[in-house]
């Protein structure tokens, strides 16, 4: 699959979600909100849009879905890193990497990781 295929799939998912949400809003469909919460579907996504998204993602295949997941993970890390740089302009590159790691794996796991590296030294 090419990058254009991924971009087209993302655009199709967004278009479907917008149209489906507009339809639900126009119809005043409140029952789908309860069903979506029970199924783990975000509250701003209709059941119809979620089904369409899953259908499109299934058609993409595991390799393309994996690539999309890695891209999202990389994007998240870059956003977190930009936030750290903004909040801590005095941090050097090592401190930035450690703070990004701490924010992404949370304090408890971060402390365990640091404890493990201290005992190896």
PDB file of N, CA and C in Angstrom:
ATOM      1  N   UNK A   1       0.840  -1.185   0.000  1.00  0.00           N
ATOM      2  CA  UNK A   1       0.000   0.000   0.000  1.00  0.00           C
ATOM      3  C   UNK A   1       0.888   1.253   0.000  1.00  0.00           C
ATOM      4  N   UNK A   2       0.429   2.255  -0.682  1.00  0.00           N
ATOM      5  CA  UNK A   2       1.189   3.492  -0.787  1.00  0.00           C
ATOM      6  C   UNK A   2       0.704   4.507   0.245  1.00  0.00           C
ATOM      7  N   UNK A   3       1.476   5.582   0.388  1.00  0.00           N
ATOM      8  CA  UNK A   3       1.070   6.664   1.281  1.00  0.00           C
ATOM      9  C   UNK A   3      -0.253   7.265   0.830  1.00  0.00           C
ATOM     10  N   UNK A   4      -0.476   7.327  -0.487  1.00  0.00           N
ATOM     11  CA  UNK A   4      -1.730   7.871  -1.012  1.00  0.00           C
ATOM     12  C   UNK A   4      -2.915   7.021  -0.584  1.00  0.00           C
ATOM     13  N   UNK A   5      -2.727   5.699  -0.499  1.00  0.00           N
ATOM     14  CA  UNK A   5      -3.796   4.813  -0.047  1.00  0.00           C
ATOM     15  C   UNK A   5      -4.158   5.114   1.400  1.00  0.00           C
ATOM     16  N   UNK A   6      -3.139   5.324   2.236  1.00  0.00           N
ATOM     17  CA  UNK A   6      -3.372   5.649   3.647  1.00  0.00           C
ATOM     18  C   UNK A   6      -4.082   6.986   3.771  1.00  0.00           C
ATOM     19  N   UNK A   7      -3.627   7.975   3.015  1.00  0.00           N
ATOM     20  CA  UNK A   7      -4.246   9.306   3.056  1.00  0.00           C
ATOM     21  C   UNK A   7      -5.695   9.226   2.595  1.00  0.00           C
ATOM     22  N   UNK A   8      -5.954   8.483   1.515  1.00  0.00           N
ATOM     23  CA  UNK A   8      -7.324   8.325   1.020  1.00  0.00           C
ATOM     24  C   UNK A   8      -8.208   7.638   2.049  1.00  0.00           C
ATOM     25  N   UNK A   9      -7.675   6.621   2.708  1.00  0.00           N
ATOM     26  CA  UNK A   9      -8.444   5.901   3.727  1.00  0.00           C
ATOM     27  C   UNK A   9      -8.774   6.822   4.891  1.00  0.00           C
ATOM     28  N   UNK A  10      -7.803   7.610   5.334  1.00  0.00           N
ATOM     29  CA  UNK A  10      -8.045   8.544   6.439  1.00  0.00           C
ATOM     30  C   UNK A  10      -9.115   9.563   6.059  1.00  0.00           C
ATOM     31  N   UNK A  11      -9.046  10.077   4.838  1.00  0.00           N
ATOM     32  CA  UNK A  11     -10.032  11.052   4.371  1.00  0.00           C
ATOM     33  C   UNK A  11     -11.423  10.430   4.303  1.00  0.00           C
ATOM     34  N   UNK A  12     -11.497   9.185   3.840  1.00  0.00           N
ATOM     35  CA  UNK A  12     -12.782   8.489   3.757  1.00  0.00           C
ATOM     36  C   UNK A  12     -13.377   8.260   5.153  1.00  0.00           C
ATOM     37  N   UNK A  13     -12.517   7.907   6.108  1.00  0.00           N
ATOM     38  CA  UNK A  13     -12.969   7.705   7.489  1.00  0.00           C
ATOM     39  C   UNK A  13     -13.514   9.010   8.058  1.00  0.00           C
ATOM     40  N   UNK A  14     -12.782  10.103   7.871  1.00  0.00           N
ATOM     41  CA  UNK A  14     -13.219  11.396   8.403  1.00  0.00           C
ATOM     42  C   UNK A  14     -14.533  11.837   7.764  1.00  0.00           C
ATOM     43  N   UNK A  15     -14.637  11.690   6.452  1.00  0.00           N
ATOM     44  CA  UNK A  15     -15.859  12.085   5.751  1.00  0.00           C
ATOM     45  C   UNK A  15     -17.051  11.282   6.257  1.00  0.00           C
ATOM     46  N   UNK A  16     -16.866   9.979   6.410  1.00  0.00           N
ATOM     47  CA  UNK A  16     -17.933   9.115   6.889  1.00  0.00           C
ATOM     48  C   UNK A  16     -18.359   9.502   8.304  1.00  0.00           C
ATOM     49  N   UNK A  17     -17.379   9.794   9.148  1.00  0.00           N
ATOM     50  CA  UNK A  17     -17.682  10.169  10.529  1.00  0.00           C
ATOM     51  C   UNK A  17     -18.471  11.475  10.583  1.00  0.00           C
ATOM     52  N   UNK A  18     -18.083  12.452   9.779  1.00  0.00           N
ATOM     53  CA  UNK A  18     -18.764  13.750   9.771  1.00  0.00           C
ATOM     54  C   UNK A  18     -20.201  13.605   9.284  1.00  0.00           C
ATOM     55  N   UNK A  19     -20.380  12.879   8.203  1.00  0.00           N
ATOM     56  CA  UNK A  19     -21.730  12.698   7.656  1.00  0.00           C
ATOM     57  C   UNK A  19     -22.618  11.934   8.633  1.00  0.00           C
ATOM     58  N   UNK A  20     -22.074  10.903   9.245  1.00  0.00           N
ATOM     59  CA  UNK A  20     -22.853  10.097  10.166  1.00  0.00           C
ATOM     60  C   UNK A  20     -23.220  10.896  11.424  1.00  0.00           C
ATOM     61  N   UNK A  21     -22.275  11.680  11.909  1.00  0.00           N
ATOM     62  CA  UNK A  21     -22.538  12.505  13.092  1.00  0.00           C
ATOM     63  C   UNK A  21     -23.612  13.549  12.786  1.00  0.00           C
ATOM     64  N   UNK A  22     -23.540  14.162  11.620  1.00  0.00           N
ATOM     65  CA  UNK A  22     -24.546  15.159  11.237  1.00  0.00           C
ATOM     66  C   UNK A  22     -25.926  14.518  11.167  1.00  0.00           C
ATOM     67  N   UNK A  23     -25.983  13.323  10.626  1.00  0.00           N
ATOM     68  CA  UNK A  23     -27.256  12.604  10.539  1.00  0.00           C
ATOM     69  C   UNK A  23     -27.816  12.332  11.936  1.00  0.00           C
ATOM     70  N   UNK A  24     -26.977  11.846  12.861  1.00  0.00           N
ATOM     71  CA  UNK A  24     -27.436  11.578  14.220  1.00  0.00           C
ATOM     72  C   UNK A  24     -27.907  12.852  14.919  1.00  0.00           C
ATOM     73  N   UNK A  25     -27.167  13.935  14.715  1.00  0.00           N
ATOM     74  CA  UNK A  25     -27.568  15.201  15.333  1.00  0.00           C
ATOM     75  C   UNK A  25     -28.913  15.662  14.791  1.00  0.00           C
ATOM     76  N   UNK A  26     -29.092  15.531  13.487  1.00  0.00           N
ATOM     77  CA  UNK A  26     -30.351  15.952  12.873  1.00  0.00           C
ATOM     78  C   UNK A  26     -31.523  15.100  13.365  1.00  0.00           C
ATOM     79  N   UNK A  27     -31.272  13.820  13.584  1.00  0.00           N
ATOM     80  CA  UNK A  27     -32.335  12.918  14.035  1.00  0.00           C
ATOM     81  C   UNK A  27     -32.520  12.917  15.556  1.00  0.00           C
ATOM     82  N   UNK A  28     -31.597  13.544  16.256  1.00  0.00           N
ATOM     83  CA  UNK A  28     -31.676  13.547  17.716  1.00  0.00           C
ATOM     84  C   UNK A  28     -31.495  12.154  18.309  1.00  0.00           C
ATOM     85  N   UNK A  29     -30.661  11.345  17.690  1.00  0.00           N
ATOM     86  CA  UNK A  29     -30.447   9.959  18.111  1.00  0.00           C
ATOM     87  C   UNK A  29     -29.590   9.889  19.375  1.00  0.00           C
ATOM     88  N   UNK A  30     -30.233   9.705  20.515  1.00  0.00           N
ATOM     89  CA  UNK A  30     -29.526   9.662  21.796  1.00  0.00           C
ATOM     90  C   UNK A  30     -29.123   8.239  22.180  1.00  0.00           C
ATOM     91  N   UNK A  31     -29.834   7.237  21.699  1.00  0.00           N
ATOM     92  CA  UNK A  31     -29.539   5.858  22.082  1.00  0.00           C
ATOM     93  C   UNK A  31     -28.159   5.407  21.625  1.00  0.00           C
ATOM     94  N   UNK A  32     -27.682   5.919  20.508  1.00  0.00           N
ATOM     95  CA  UNK A  32     -26.385   5.473  20.015  1.00  0.00           C
ATOM     96  C   UNK A  32     -25.258   5.910  20.935  1.00  0.00           C
ATOM     97  N   UNK A  33     -25.443   7.001  21.689  1.00  0.00           N
ATOM     98  CA  UNK A  33     -24.408   7.465  22.615  1.00  0.00           C
ATOM     99  C   UNK A  33     -24.165   6.420  23.696  1.00  0.00           C
ATOM    100  N   UNK A  34     -25.232   5.856  24.260  1.00  0.00           N
ATOM    101  CA  UNK A  34     -25.098   4.830  25.298  1.00  0.00           C
ATOM    102  C   UNK A  34     -24.433   3.582  24.730  1.00  0.00           C
ATOM    103  N   UNK A  35     -24.862   3.139  23.567  1.00  0.00           N
ATOM    104  CA  UNK A  35     -24.294   1.943  22.944  1.00  0.00           C
ATOM    105  C   UNK A  35     -22.817   2.144  22.623  1.00  0.00           C
ATOM    106  N   UNK A  36     -22.454   3.336  22.159  1.00  0.00           N
ATOM    107  CA  UNK A  36     -21.067   3.601  21.816  1.00  0.00           C
ATOM    108  C   UNK A  36     -20.171   3.552  23.041  1.00  0.00           C
ATOM    109  N   UNK A  37     -20.642   4.093  24.163  1.00  0.00           N
ATOM    110  CA  UNK A  37     -19.840   4.066  25.381  1.00  0.00           C
ATOM    111  C   UNK A  37     -19.613   2.635  25.840  1.00  0.00           C
ATOM    112  N   UNK A  38     -20.613   1.791  25.669  1.00  0.00           N
ATOM    113  CA  UNK A  38     -20.483   0.397  26.082  1.00  0.00           C
ATOM    114  C   UNK A  38     -19.509  -0.352  25.176  1.00  0.00           C
ATOM    115  N   UNK A  39     -19.371   0.070  23.931  1.00  0.00           N
ATOM    116  CA  UNK A  39     -18.496  -0.606  22.979  1.00  0.00           C
ATOM    117  C   UNK A  39     -17.123   0.047  22.853  1.00  0.00           C
ATOM    118  N   UNK A  40     -16.842   1.066  23.629  1.00  0.00           N
ATOM    119  CA  UNK A  40     -15.551   1.732  23.558  1.00  0.00           C
ATOM    120  C   UNK A  40     -15.406   2.676  22.381  1.00  0.00           C
ATOM    121  N   UNK A  41     -16.498   3.076  21.781  1.00  0.00           N
ATOM    122  CA  UNK A  41     -16.459   4.017  20.662  1.00  0.00           C
ATOM    123  C   UNK A  41     -16.505   5.426  21.248  1.00  0.00           C
ATOM    124  N   UNK A  42     -15.627   6.326  20.786  1.00  0.00           N
ATOM    125  CA  UNK A  42     -15.639   7.691  21.319  1.00  0.00           C
ATOM    126  C   UNK A  42     -17.021   8.329  21.199  1.00  0.00           C
ATOM    127  N   UNK A  43     -17.353   9.187  22.148  1.00  0.00           N
ATOM    128  CA  UNK A  43     -18.694   9.781  22.200  1.00  0.00           C
ATOM    129  C   UNK A  43     -18.988  10.689  21.006  1.00  0.00           C
ATOM    130  N   UNK A  44     -17.944  11.173  20.323  1.00  0.00           N
ATOM    131  CA  UNK A  44     -18.190  12.036  19.167  1.00  0.00           C
ATOM    132  C   UNK A  44     -18.221  11.258  17.849  1.00  0.00           C
ATOM    133  N   UNK A  45     -18.306   9.920  17.939  1.00  0.00           N
ATOM    134  CA  UNK A  45     -18.339   9.060  16.753  1.00  0.00           C
ATOM    135  C   UNK A  45     -19.610   8.232  16.766  1.00  0.00           C
ATOM    136  N   UNK A  46     -20.319   8.244  15.674  1.00  0.00           N
ATOM    137  CA  UNK A  46     -21.547   7.457  15.592  1.00  0.00           C
ATOM    138  C   UNK A  46     -21.200   5.993  15.351  1.00  0.00           C
ATOM    139  N   UNK A  47     -22.160   5.115  15.642  1.00  0.00           N
ATOM    140  CA  UNK A  47     -21.951   3.688  15.392  1.00  0.00           C
ATOM    141  C   UNK A  47     -21.691   3.432  13.916  1.00  0.00           C
ATOM    142  N   UNK A  48     -22.444   4.109  13.076  1.00  0.00           N
ATOM    143  CA  UNK A  48     -22.277   3.948  11.629  1.00  0.00           C
ATOM    144  C   UNK A  48     -20.871   4.360  11.193  1.00  0.00           C
ATOM    145  N   UNK A  49     -20.384   5.477  11.714  1.00  0.00           N
ATOM    146  CA  UNK A  49     -19.041   5.942  11.357  1.00  0.00           C
ATOM    147  C   UNK A  49     -17.978   4.980  11.875  1.00  0.00           C
ATOM    148  N   UNK A  50     -18.169   4.470  13.090  1.00  0.00           N
ATOM    149  CA  UNK A  50     -17.206   3.509  13.650  1.00  0.00           C
ATOM    150  C   UNK A  50     -17.167   2.236  12.818  1.00  0.00           C
ATOM    151  N   UNK A  51     -18.341   1.756  12.415  1.00  0.00           N
ATOM    152  CA  UNK A  51     -18.382   0.549  11.566  1.00  0.00           C
ATOM    153  C   UNK A  51     -17.652   0.794  10.244  1.00  0.00           C
ATOM    154  N   UNK A  52     -17.888   1.955   9.652  1.00  0.00           N
ATOM    155  CA  UNK A  52     -17.238   2.296   8.387  1.00  0.00           C
ATOM    156  C   UNK A  52     -15.723   2.371   8.582  1.00  0.00           C
ATOM    157  N   UNK A  53     -15.288   2.988   9.681  1.00  0.00           N
ATOM    158  CA  UNK A  53     -13.854   3.096   9.973  1.00  0.00           C
ATOM    159  C   UNK A  53     -13.236   1.710  10.116  1.00  0.00           C
ATOM    160  N   UNK A  54     -13.871   0.831  10.875  1.00  0.00           N
ATOM    161  CA  UNK A  54     -13.342  -0.517  11.063  1.00  0.00           C
ATOM    162  C   UNK A  54     -13.287  -1.276   9.744  1.00  0.00           C
ATOM    163  N   UNK A  55     -14.305  -1.093   8.917  1.00  0.00           N
ATOM    164  CA  UNK A  55     -14.336  -1.750   7.607  1.00  0.00           C
ATOM    165  C   UNK A  55     -13.156  -1.282   6.748  1.00  0.00           C
ATOM    166  N   UNK A  56     -12.914   0.015   6.739  1.00  0.00           N
ATOM    167  CA  UNK A  56     -11.814   0.573   5.946  1.00  0.00           C
ATOM    168  C   UNK A  56     -10.474   0.092   6.490  1.00  0.00           C
ATOM    169  N   UNK A  57     -10.334   0.102   7.800  1.00  0.00           N
ATOM    170  CA  UNK A  57      -9.073  -0.337   8.404  1.00  0.00           C
ATOM    171  C   UNK A  57      -8.811  -1.813   8.126  1.00  0.00           C
ATOM    172  N   UNK A  58      -9.858  -2.634   8.164  1.00  0.00           N
ATOM    173  CA  UNK A  58      -9.690  -4.059   7.844  1.00  0.00           C
ATOM    174  C   UNK A  58      -9.209  -4.238   6.407  1.00  0.00           C
ATOM    175  N   UNK A  59      -9.744  -3.441   5.487  1.00  0.00           N
ATOM    176  CA  UNK A  59      -9.342  -3.534   4.083  1.00  0.00           C
ATOM    177  C   UNK A  59      -7.889  -3.127   3.872  1.00  0.00           C
ATOM    178  N   UNK A  60      -7.374  -2.252   4.718  1.00  0.00           N
ATOM    179  CA  UNK A  60      -5.997  -1.781   4.557  1.00  0.00           C
ATOM    180  C   UNK A  60      -4.986  -2.890   4.804  1.00  0.00           C
ATOM    181  N   UNK A  61      -5.316  -3.815   5.665  1.00  0.00           N
ATOM    182  CA  UNK A  61      -4.396  -4.906   5.963  1.00  0.00           C
ATOM    183  C   UNK A  61      -3.488  -4.577   7.136  1.00  0.00           C
ATOM    184  N   UNK A  62      -2.893  -5.603   7.715  1.00  0.00           N
ATOM    185  CA  UNK A  62      -2.104  -5.423   8.939  1.00  0.00           C
ATOM    186  C   UNK A  62      -0.849  -4.575   8.757  1.00  0.00           C
ATOM    187  N   UNK A  63      -0.204  -4.666   7.609  1.00  0.00           N
ATOM    188  CA  UNK A  63       1.025  -3.898   7.418  1.00  0.00           C
ATOM    189  C   UNK A  63       0.762  -2.397   7.386  1.00  0.00           C
ATOM    190  N   UNK A  64      -0.285  -1.997   6.707  1.00  0.00           N
ATOM    191  CA  UNK A  64      -0.619  -0.570   6.627  1.00  0.00           C
ATOM    192  C   UNK A  64      -1.107  -0.083   7.991  1.00  0.00           C
ATOM    193  N   UNK A  65      -1.927  -0.893   8.659  1.00  0.00           N
ATOM    194  CA  UNK A  65      -2.405  -0.493   9.995  1.00  0.00           C
ATOM    195  C   UNK A  65      -1.235  -0.352  10.966  1.00  0.00           C
ATOM    196  N   UNK A  66      -0.283  -1.258  10.900  1.00  0.00           N
ATOM    197  CA  UNK A  66       0.897  -1.171  11.770  1.00  0.00           C
ATOM    198  C   UNK A  66       1.675   0.104  11.478  1.00  0.00           C
ATOM    199  N   UNK A  67       1.847   0.420  10.186  1.00  0.00           N
ATOM    200  CA  UNK A  67       2.560   1.643   9.826  1.00  0.00           C
ATOM    201  C   UNK A  67       1.834   2.870  10.360  1.00  0.00           C
ATOM    202  N   UNK A  68       0.503   2.872  10.258  1.00  0.00           N
ATOM    203  CA  UNK A  68      -0.283   3.992  10.780  1.00  0.00           C
ATOM    204  C   UNK A  68      -0.100   4.124  12.291  1.00  0.00           C
ATOM    205  N   UNK A  69      -0.075   2.986  12.986  1.00  0.00           N
ATOM    206  CA  UNK A  69       0.110   3.012  14.443  1.00  0.00           C
ATOM    207  C   UNK A  69       1.478   3.567  14.810  1.00  0.00           C
ATOM    208  N   UNK A  70       2.520   3.143  14.087  1.00  0.00           N
ATOM    209  CA  UNK A  70       3.856   3.665  14.362  1.00  0.00           C
ATOM    210  C   UNK A  70       3.931   5.158  14.077  1.00  0.00           C
ATOM    211  N   UNK A  71       3.286   5.605  13.014  1.00  0.00           N
ATOM    212  CA  UNK A  71       3.263   7.035  12.700  1.00  0.00           C
ATOM    213  C   UNK A  71       2.576   7.825  13.814  1.00  0.00           C
ATOM    214  N   UNK A  72       1.450   7.302  14.312  1.00  0.00           N
ATOM    215  CA  UNK A  72       0.748   7.997  15.409  1.00  0.00           C
ATOM    216  C   UNK A  72       1.616   8.040  16.659  1.00  0.00           C
ATOM    217  N   UNK A  73       2.310   6.954  16.947  1.00  0.00           N
ATOM    218  CA  UNK A  73       3.186   6.918  18.110  1.00  0.00           C
ATOM    219  C   UNK A  73       4.321   7.928  17.967  1.00  0.00           C
ATOM    220  N   UNK A  74       4.933   7.975  16.780  1.00  0.00           N
ATOM    221  CA  UNK A  74       6.003   8.954  16.539  1.00  0.00           C
ATOM    222  C   UNK A  74       5.479  10.381  16.662  1.00  0.00           C
ATOM    223  N   UNK A  75       4.289  10.632  16.120  1.00  0.00           N
ATOM    224  CA  UNK A  75       3.696  11.973  16.222  1.00  0.00           C
ATOM    225  C   UNK A  75       3.438  12.356  17.668  1.00  0.00           C
ATOM    226  N   UNK A  76       2.920  11.423  18.458  1.00  0.00           N
ATOM    227  CA  UNK A  76       2.673  11.695  19.874  1.00  0.00           C
ATOM    228  C   UNK A  76       3.974  12.026  20.588  1.00  0.00           C
ATOM    229  N   UNK A  77       5.024  11.234  20.328  1.00  0.00           N
ATOM    230  CA  UNK A  77       6.300  11.482  20.974  1.00  0.00           C
ATOM    231  C   UNK A  77       6.829  12.869  20.610  1.00  0.00           C
ATOM    232  N   UNK A  78       6.687  13.261  19.331  1.00  0.00           N
ATOM    233  CA  UNK A  78       7.153  14.596  18.910  1.00  0.00           C
ATOM    234  C   UNK A  78       6.359  15.705  19.594  1.00  0.00           C
ATOM    235  N   UNK A  79       5.064  15.502  19.767  1.00  0.00           N
ATOM    236  CA  UNK A  79       4.224  16.504  20.443  1.00  0.00           C
ATOM    237  C   UNK A  79       4.634  16.626  21.913  1.00  0.00           C
ATOM    238  N   UNK A  80       4.830  15.482  22.561  1.00  0.00           N
ATOM    239  CA  UNK A  80       5.263  15.498  23.971  1.00  0.00           C
ATOM    240  C   UNK A  80       6.627  16.177  24.078  1.00  0.00           C
ATOM    241  N   UNK A  81       7.529  15.849  23.167  1.00  0.00           N
ATOM    242  CA  UNK A  81       8.866  16.453  23.183  1.00  0.00           C
ATOM    243  C   UNK A  81       8.784  17.969  22.993  1.00  0.00           C
ATOM    244  N   UNK A  82       7.935  18.429  22.103  1.00  0.00           N
ATOM    245  CA  UNK A  82       7.781  19.873  21.891  1.00  0.00           C
ATOM    246  C   UNK A  82       7.262  20.550  23.155  1.00  0.00           C
ATOM    247  N   UNK A  83       6.340  19.881  23.851  1.00  0.00           N
ATOM    248  CA  UNK A  83       5.835  20.421  25.109  1.00  0.00           C
ATOM    249  C   UNK A  83       6.920  20.519  26.167  1.00  0.00           C
ATOM    250  N   UNK A  84       7.761  19.497  26.257  1.00  0.00           N
ATOM    251  CA  UNK A  84       8.874  19.508  27.226  1.00  0.00           C
ATOM    252  C   UNK A  84       9.837  20.643  26.886  1.00  0.00           C
ATOM    253  N   UNK A  85      10.175  20.770  25.613  1.00  0.00           N
ATOM    254  CA  UNK A  85      11.087  21.851  25.198  1.00  0.00           C
ATOM    255  C   UNK A  85      10.497  23.231  25.521  1.00  0.00           C
ATOM    256  N   UNK A  86       9.188  23.366  25.350  1.00  0.00           N
ATOM    257  CA  UNK A  86       8.532  24.646  25.635  1.00  0.00           C
ATOM    258  C   UNK A  86       8.537  24.949  27.145  1.00  0.00           C
ATOM    259  N   UNK A  87       8.226  23.940  27.942  1.00  0.00           N
ATOM    260  CA  UNK A  87       8.158  24.140  29.396  1.00  0.00           C
ATOM    261  C   UNK A  87       9.528  24.213  30.052  1.00  0.00           C
ATOM    262  N   UNK A  88      10.538  23.595  29.434  1.00  0.00           N
ATOM    263  CA  UNK A  88      11.876  23.527  30.032  1.00  0.00           C
ATOM    264  C   UNK A  88      12.949  23.909  29.010  1.00  0.00           C
ATOM    265  N   UNK A  89      13.017  25.189  28.640  1.00  0.00           N
ATOM    266  CA  UNK A  89      14.000  25.594  27.625  1.00  0.00           C
ATOM    267  C   UNK A  89      15.446  25.388  28.086  1.00  0.00           C
ATOM    268  N   UNK A  90      15.641  25.211  29.376  1.00  0.00           N
ATOM    269  CA  UNK A  90      16.993  25.027  29.916  1.00  0.00           C
ATOM    270  C   UNK A  90      17.460  23.563  29.872  1.00  0.00           C
ATOM    271  N   UNK A  91      16.582  22.631  29.543  1.00  0.00           N
ATOM    272  CA  UNK A  91      16.952  21.212  29.512  1.00  0.00           C
ATOM    273  C   UNK A  91      17.873  20.922  28.329  1.00  0.00           C
ATOM    274  N   UNK A  92      18.894  20.083  28.585  1.00  0.00           N
ATOM    275  CA  UNK A  92      19.720  19.599  27.475  1.00  0.00           C
ATOM    276  C   UNK A  92      19.023  18.397  26.832  1.00  0.00           C
ATOM    277  N   UNK A  93      19.595  17.859  25.752  1.00  0.00           N
ATOM    278  CA  UNK A  93      18.947  16.782  24.995  1.00  0.00           C
ATOM    279  C   UNK A  93      18.688  15.540  25.859  1.00  0.00           C
ATOM    280  N   UNK A  94      19.628  15.201  26.734  1.00  0.00           N
ATOM    281  CA  UNK A  94      19.457  14.017  27.584  1.00  0.00           C
ATOM    282  C   UNK A  94      18.275  14.214  28.538  1.00  0.00           C
ATOM    283  N   UNK A  95      18.200  15.390  29.171  1.00  0.00           N
ATOM    284  CA  UNK A  95      17.086  15.668  30.088  1.00  0.00           C
ATOM    285  C   UNK A  95      15.747  15.658  29.340  1.00  0.00           C
ATOM    286  N   UNK A  96      15.754  16.177  28.119  1.00  0.00           N
ATOM    287  CA  UNK A  96      14.520  16.183  27.323  1.00  0.00           C
ATOM    288  C   UNK A  96      14.078  14.755  27.043  1.00  0.00           C
ATOM    289  N   UNK A  97      15.009  13.903  26.595  1.00  0.00           N
ATOM    290  CA  UNK A  97      14.662  12.501  26.314  1.00  0.00           C
ATOM    291  C   UNK A  97      14.127  11.795  27.560  1.00  0.00           C
ATOM    292  N   UNK A  98      14.760  12.028  28.705  1.00  0.00           N
ATOM    293  CA  UNK A  98      14.306  11.388  29.949  1.00  0.00           C
ATOM    294  C   UNK A  98      12.933  11.894  30.372  1.00  0.00           C
ATOM    295  N   UNK A  99      12.682  13.184  30.216  1.00  0.00           N
ATOM    296  CA  UNK A  99      11.372  13.742  30.595  1.00  0.00           C
ATOM    297  C   UNK A  99      10.275  13.234  29.667  1.00  0.00           C
ATOM    298  N   UNK A 100      10.567  13.141  28.374  1.00  0.00           N
ATOM    299  CA  UNK A 100       9.593  12.590  27.429  1.00  0.00           C
ATOM    300  C   UNK A 100       9.275  11.149  27.821  1.00  0.00           C
ATOM    301  N   UNK A 101      10.306  10.381  28.126  1.00  0.00           N
ATOM    302  CA  UNK A 101      10.109   8.996  28.541  1.00  0.00           C
ATOM    303  C   UNK A 101       9.259   8.927  29.809  1.00  0.00           C
ATOM    304  N   UNK A 102       9.569   9.777  30.788  1.00  0.00           N
ATOM    305  CA  UNK A 102       8.804   9.782  32.048  1.00  0.00           C
ATOM    306  C   UNK A 102       7.333  10.093  31.795  1.00  0.00           C
ATOM    307  N   UNK A 103       7.078  11.070  30.945  1.00  0.00           N
ATOM    308  CA  UNK A 103       5.690  11.438  30.656  1.00  0.00           C
ATOM    309  C   UNK A 103       4.946  10.321  29.922  1.00  0.00           C
ATOM    310  N   UNK A 104       5.650   9.594  29.087  1.00  0.00           N
ATOM    311  CA  UNK A 104       4.984   8.570  28.280  1.00  0.00           C
ATOM    312  C   UNK A 104       4.790   7.250  29.025  1.00  0.00           C
ATOM    313  N   UNK A 105       5.695   6.925  29.963  1.00  0.00           N
ATOM    314  CA  UNK A 105       5.539   5.648  30.677  1.00  0.00           C
ATOM    315  C   UNK A 105       5.045   5.826  32.105  1.00  0.00           C
ATOM    316  N   UNK A 106       4.863   7.063  32.512  1.00  0.00           N
ATOM    317  CA  UNK A 106       4.342   7.435  33.833  1.00  0.00           C
ATOM    318  C   UNK A 106       5.409   7.255  34.916  1.00  0.00           C
ATOM    319  N   UNK A 107       5.162   7.876  36.067  1.00  0.00           N
ATOM    320  CA  UNK A 107       6.161   7.970  37.133  1.00  0.00           C
ATOM    321  C   UNK A 107       6.581   6.627  37.729  1.00  0.00           C
ATOM    322  N   UNK A 108       5.607   5.763  38.018  1.00  0.00           N
ATOM    323  CA  UNK A 108       5.936   4.506  38.700  1.00  0.00           C
ATOM    324  C   UNK A 108       6.905   3.663  37.865  1.00  0.00           C
ATOM    325  N   UNK A 109       6.598   3.456  36.597  1.00  0.00           N
ATOM    326  CA  UNK A 109       7.457   2.663  35.722  1.00  0.00           C
ATOM    327  C   UNK A 109       8.785   3.385  35.484  1.00  0.00           C
ATOM    328  N   UNK A 110       8.746   4.705  35.397  1.00  0.00           N
ATOM    329  CA  UNK A 110       9.969   5.491  35.195  1.00  0.00           C
ATOM    330  C   UNK A 110      10.918   5.307  36.381  1.00  0.00           C
ATOM    331  N   UNK A 111      10.373   5.371  37.601  1.00  0.00           N
ATOM    332  CA  UNK A 111      11.208   5.169  38.800  1.00  0.00           C
ATOM    333  C   UNK A 111      11.801   3.763  38.812  1.00  0.00           C
ATOM    334  N   UNK A 112      11.009   2.771  38.436  1.00  0.00           N
ATOM    335  CA  UNK A 112      11.516   1.403  38.376  1.00  0.00           C
ATOM    336  C   UNK A 112      12.642   1.292  37.348  1.00  0.00           C
ATOM    337  N   UNK A 113      12.493   1.959  36.229  1.00  0.00           N
ATOM    338  CA  UNK A 113      13.526   1.940  35.200  1.00  0.00           C
ATOM    339  C   UNK A 113      14.816   2.574  35.714  1.00  0.00           C
ATOM    340  N   UNK A 114      14.664   3.730  36.373  1.00  0.00           N
ATOM    341  CA  UNK A 114      15.853   4.410  36.907  1.00  0.00           C
ATOM    342  C   UNK A 114      16.523   3.564  37.968  1.00  0.00           C
ATOM    343  N   UNK A 115      15.739   2.929  38.813  1.00  0.00           N
ATOM    344  CA  UNK A 115      16.285   2.067  39.865  1.00  0.00           C
ATOM    345  C   UNK A 115      17.090   0.932  39.224  1.00  0.00           C
ATOM    346  N   UNK A 116      16.582   0.365  38.150  1.00  0.00           N
ATOM    347  CA  UNK A 116      17.272  -0.712  37.453  1.00  0.00           C
ATOM    348  C   UNK A 116      18.590  -0.265  36.838  1.00  0.00           C
ATOM    349  N   UNK A 117      18.644   0.976  36.340  1.00  0.00           N
ATOM    350  CA  UNK A 117      19.889   1.453  35.728  1.00  0.00           C
ATOM    351  C   UNK A 117      20.911   1.816  36.798  1.00  0.00           C
ATOM    352  N   UNK A 118      20.480   2.227  37.993  1.00  0.00           N
ATOM    353  CA  UNK A 118      21.407   2.556  39.065  1.00  0.00           C
ATOM    354  C   UNK A 118      22.125   1.323  39.583  1.00  0.00           C
ATOM    355  N   UNK A 119      21.395   0.193  39.657  1.00  0.00           N
ATOM    356  CA  UNK A 119      22.008  -1.027  40.195  1.00  0.00           C
ATOM    357  C   UNK A 119      23.007  -1.629  39.210  1.00  0.00           C
ATOM    358  N   UNK A 120      22.870  -1.327  37.913  1.00  0.00           N
ATOM    359  CA  UNK A 120      23.797  -1.845  36.914  1.00  0.00           C
ATOM    360  C   UNK A 120      25.102  -1.040  36.878  1.00  0.00           C
ATOM    361  N   UNK A 121      25.057   0.171  37.363  1.00  0.00           N
ATOM    362  CA  UNK A 121      26.259   1.036  37.290  1.00  0.00           C
ATOM    363  C   UNK A 121      27.341   0.594  38.235  1.00  0.00           C
TER     364      UNK A 121
END
